[in-house]
């Protein structure tokens, strides 16, 4: 973010905006990665909190697709198939092919 601040101070707002966006996207992807770590460690509540934070904070459909997929996998692991399918469908609607493949594999 500091590079974005430098561009902002130089009044190069286009480059500042791009740098801020990059940092924001990276932060959201990091949050998704942390959610996956919680999922792998069977801390489902915290995993869902991480994915929901991304859905609340991100403006990127691509990143939201990953978060919905993470939620879907978490619900599936918990045995909540209906919630899993609902989130995977949202992910697939946003264009995430792995969610589409998962749905196809499950016969949905």
C-alpha atoms as a PDB file:
ATOM      1  CA  UNK A   1       0.000   0.000   0.000  1.00  0.00           C
ATOM      2  CA  UNK A   2       2.910   2.344   0.547  1.00  0.00           C
ATOM      3  CA  UNK A   3       3.610   2.437  -3.207  1.00  0.00           C
ATOM      4  CA  UNK A   4      -0.007   3.474  -3.724  1.00  0.00           C
ATOM      5  CA  UNK A   5       0.518   6.275  -1.207  1.00  0.00           C
ATOM      6  CA  UNK A   6       3.580   7.499  -3.104  1.00  0.00           C
ATOM      7  CA  UNK A   7       1.646   7.620  -6.378  1.00  0.00           C
ATOM      8  CA  UNK A   8      -1.202   9.390  -4.589  1.00  0.00           C
ATOM      9  CA  UNK A   9       1.206  12.029  -3.229  1.00  0.00           C
ATOM     10  CA  UNK A  10       2.572  12.471  -6.749  1.00  0.00           C
ATOM     11  CA  UNK A  11      -1.043  12.987  -7.896  1.00  0.00           C
ATOM     12  CA  UNK A  12      -0.771  10.001 -10.234  1.00  0.00           C
ATOM     13  CA  UNK A  13      -4.195   8.773  -9.180  1.00  0.00           C
ATOM     14  CA  UNK A  14      -4.506   6.099 -11.848  1.00  0.00           C
ATOM     15  CA  UNK A  15      -1.355   4.296 -10.670  1.00  0.00           C
ATOM     16  CA  UNK A  16      -2.338   4.836  -7.026  1.00  0.00           C
ATOM     17  CA  UNK A  17      -5.751   3.291  -7.653  1.00  0.00           C
ATOM     18  CA  UNK A  18      -4.163   0.312  -9.415  1.00  0.00           C
ATOM     19  CA  UNK A  19      -1.728  -0.290  -6.551  1.00  0.00           C
ATOM     20  CA  UNK A  20      -4.465  -0.001  -3.928  1.00  0.00           C
ATOM     21  CA  UNK A  21      -6.596  -2.459  -5.899  1.00  0.00           C
ATOM     22  CA  UNK A  22      -3.719  -4.936  -6.138  1.00  0.00           C
ATOM     23  CA  UNK A  23      -3.127  -4.793  -2.389  1.00  0.00           C
ATOM     24  CA  UNK A  24      -6.835  -5.221  -1.720  1.00  0.00           C
ATOM     25  CA  UNK A  25      -7.072  -8.240  -4.044  1.00  0.00           C
ATOM     26  CA  UNK A  26      -4.006  -9.817  -2.494  1.00  0.00           C
ATOM     27  CA  UNK A  27      -5.420  -9.282   0.997  1.00  0.00           C
ATOM     28  CA  UNK A  28      -8.679 -10.965   0.001  1.00  0.00           C
ATOM     29  CA  UNK A  29      -6.833 -13.929  -1.515  1.00  0.00           C
ATOM     30  CA  UNK A  30      -4.769 -14.187   1.666  1.00  0.00           C
ATOM     31  CA  UNK A  31      -7.970 -14.273   3.705  1.00  0.00           C
ATOM     32  CA  UNK A  32      -9.271 -17.085   1.484  1.00  0.00           C
ATOM     33  CA  UNK A  33      -6.014 -18.983   2.001  1.00  0.00           C
ATOM     34  CA  UNK A  34      -6.362 -18.592   5.765  1.00  0.00           C
ATOM     35  CA  UNK A  35      -9.934 -19.863   5.487  1.00  0.00           C
ATOM     36  CA  UNK A  36      -8.686 -22.953   3.671  1.00  0.00           C
ATOM     37  CA  UNK A  37      -6.139 -23.543   6.422  1.00  0.00           C
ATOM     38  CA  UNK A  38      -8.917 -23.394   9.016  1.00  0.00           C
ATOM     39  CA  UNK A  39     -10.996 -25.766   6.902  1.00  0.00           C
ATOM     40  CA  UNK A  40      -8.089 -28.212   6.703  1.00  0.00           C
ATOM     41  CA  UNK A  41      -7.617 -27.997  10.468  1.00  0.00           C
ATOM     42  CA  UNK A  42     -11.349 -28.693  10.986  1.00  0.00           C
ATOM     43  CA  UNK A  43     -12.083 -25.277  12.505  1.00  0.00           C
ATOM     44  CA  UNK A  44     -15.188 -24.862  10.369  1.00  0.00           C
ATOM     45  CA  UNK A  45     -16.642 -21.884  12.194  1.00  0.00           C
ATOM     46  CA  UNK A  46     -13.504 -19.794  11.685  1.00  0.00           C
ATOM     47  CA  UNK A  47     -13.174 -20.983   8.076  1.00  0.00           C
ATOM     48  CA  UNK A  48     -16.718 -19.800   7.345  1.00  0.00           C
ATOM     49  CA  UNK A  49     -15.970 -16.481   9.053  1.00  0.00           C
ATOM     50  CA  UNK A  50     -12.958 -15.973   6.774  1.00  0.00           C
ATOM     51  CA  UNK A  51     -14.925 -16.747   3.600  1.00  0.00           C
ATOM     52  CA  UNK A  52     -17.849 -14.561   4.687  1.00  0.00           C
ATOM     53  CA  UNK A  53     -15.452 -11.686   5.416  1.00  0.00           C
ATOM     54  CA  UNK A  54     -14.217 -11.881   1.831  1.00  0.00           C
ATOM     55  CA  UNK A  55     -17.782 -11.904   0.504  1.00  0.00           C
ATOM     56  CA  UNK A  56     -18.574  -8.825   2.582  1.00  0.00           C
ATOM     57  CA  UNK A  57     -15.400  -6.892   1.747  1.00  0.00           C
ATOM     58  CA  UNK A  58     -14.579  -7.802  -1.862  1.00  0.00           C
ATOM     59  CA  UNK A  59     -15.913  -6.147  -4.991  1.00  0.00           C
ATOM     60  CA  UNK A  60     -14.348  -8.737  -7.287  1.00  0.00           C
ATOM     61  CA  UNK A  61     -16.616 -11.461  -8.651  1.00  0.00           C
ATOM     62  CA  UNK A  62     -13.585 -13.678  -9.229  1.00  0.00           C
ATOM     63  CA  UNK A  63     -12.541 -13.448  -5.589  1.00  0.00           C
ATOM     64  CA  UNK A  64     -16.142 -13.884  -4.427  1.00  0.00           C
ATOM     65  CA  UNK A  65     -16.331 -17.060  -6.533  1.00  0.00           C
ATOM     66  CA  UNK A  66     -13.366 -18.481  -4.597  1.00  0.00           C
ATOM     67  CA  UNK A  67     -14.978 -17.520  -1.287  1.00  0.00           C
ATOM     68  CA  UNK A  68     -18.292 -19.167  -2.209  1.00  0.00           C
ATOM     69  CA  UNK A  69     -16.370 -22.286  -3.203  1.00  0.00           C
ATOM     70  CA  UNK A  70     -14.569 -22.276   0.153  1.00  0.00           C
ATOM     71  CA  UNK A  71     -17.901 -21.945   1.940  1.00  0.00           C
ATOM     72  CA  UNK A  72     -19.305 -24.771  -0.151  1.00  0.00           C
ATOM     73  CA  UNK A  73     -16.428 -27.069   0.708  1.00  0.00           C
ATOM     74  CA  UNK A  74     -16.741 -26.193   4.380  1.00  0.00           C
ATOM     75  CA  UNK A  75     -20.460 -26.945   4.450  1.00  0.00           C
ATOM     76  CA  UNK A  76     -19.899 -30.178   2.526  1.00  0.00           C
ATOM     77  CA  UNK A  77     -17.240 -31.277   5.000  1.00  0.00           C
ATOM     78  CA  UNK A  78     -19.698 -30.545   7.826  1.00  0.00           C
ATOM     79  CA  UNK A  79     -22.289 -32.762   6.121  1.00  0.00           C
ATOM     80  CA  UNK A  80     -24.521 -29.814   5.175  1.00  0.00           C
ATOM     81  CA  UNK A  81     -24.992 -30.790   1.542  1.00  0.00           C
ATOM     82  CA  UNK A  82     -27.789 -28.327   0.762  1.00  0.00           C
ATOM     83  CA  UNK A  83     -25.748 -25.343   1.932  1.00  0.00           C
ATOM     84  CA  UNK A  84     -22.707 -26.732   0.115  1.00  0.00           C
ATOM     85  CA  UNK A  85     -24.574 -26.976  -3.184  1.00  0.00           C
ATOM     86  CA  UNK A  86     -26.078 -23.500  -2.790  1.00  0.00           C
ATOM     87  CA  UNK A  87     -22.630 -21.926  -2.311  1.00  0.00           C
ATOM     88  CA  UNK A  88     -21.029 -23.974  -5.067  1.00  0.00           C
ATOM     89  CA  UNK A  89     -23.772 -22.867  -7.450  1.00  0.00           C
ATOM     90  CA  UNK A  90     -23.068 -19.234  -6.573  1.00  0.00           C
ATOM     91  CA  UNK A  91     -19.378 -19.855  -7.214  1.00  0.00           C
ATOM     92  CA  UNK A  92     -20.144 -21.520 -10.546  1.00  0.00           C
ATOM     93  CA  UNK A  93     -22.452 -18.642 -11.548  1.00  0.00           C
ATOM     94  CA  UNK A  94     -19.525 -16.292 -10.988  1.00  0.00           C
ATOM     95  CA  UNK A  95     -17.473 -18.392 -13.403  1.00  0.00           C
ATOM     96  CA  UNK A  96     -15.341 -20.621 -11.196  1.00  0.00           C
ATOM     97  CA  UNK A  97     -14.811 -23.798 -13.214  1.00  0.00           C
ATOM     98  CA  UNK A  98     -13.719 -25.926 -10.267  1.00  0.00           C
ATOM     99  CA  UNK A  99     -17.088 -25.253  -8.632  1.00  0.00           C
ATOM    100  CA  UNK A 100     -18.796 -26.284 -11.876  1.00  0.00           C
ATOM    101  CA  UNK A 101     -16.729 -29.483 -11.920  1.00  0.00           C
ATOM    102  CA  UNK A 102     -17.594 -30.189  -8.268  1.00  0.00           C
ATOM    103  CA  UNK A 103     -21.311 -29.776  -8.967  1.00  0.00           C
ATOM    104  CA  UNK A 104     -21.083 -32.028 -12.001  1.00  0.00           C
ATOM    105  CA  UNK A 105     -19.191 -34.649  -9.961  1.00  0.00           C
ATOM    106  CA  UNK A 106     -21.946 -34.548  -7.323  1.00  0.00           C
ATOM    107  CA  UNK A 107     -24.641 -34.915  -9.990  1.00  0.00           C
ATOM    108  CA  UNK A 108     -26.120 -31.463  -9.510  1.00  0.00           C
END
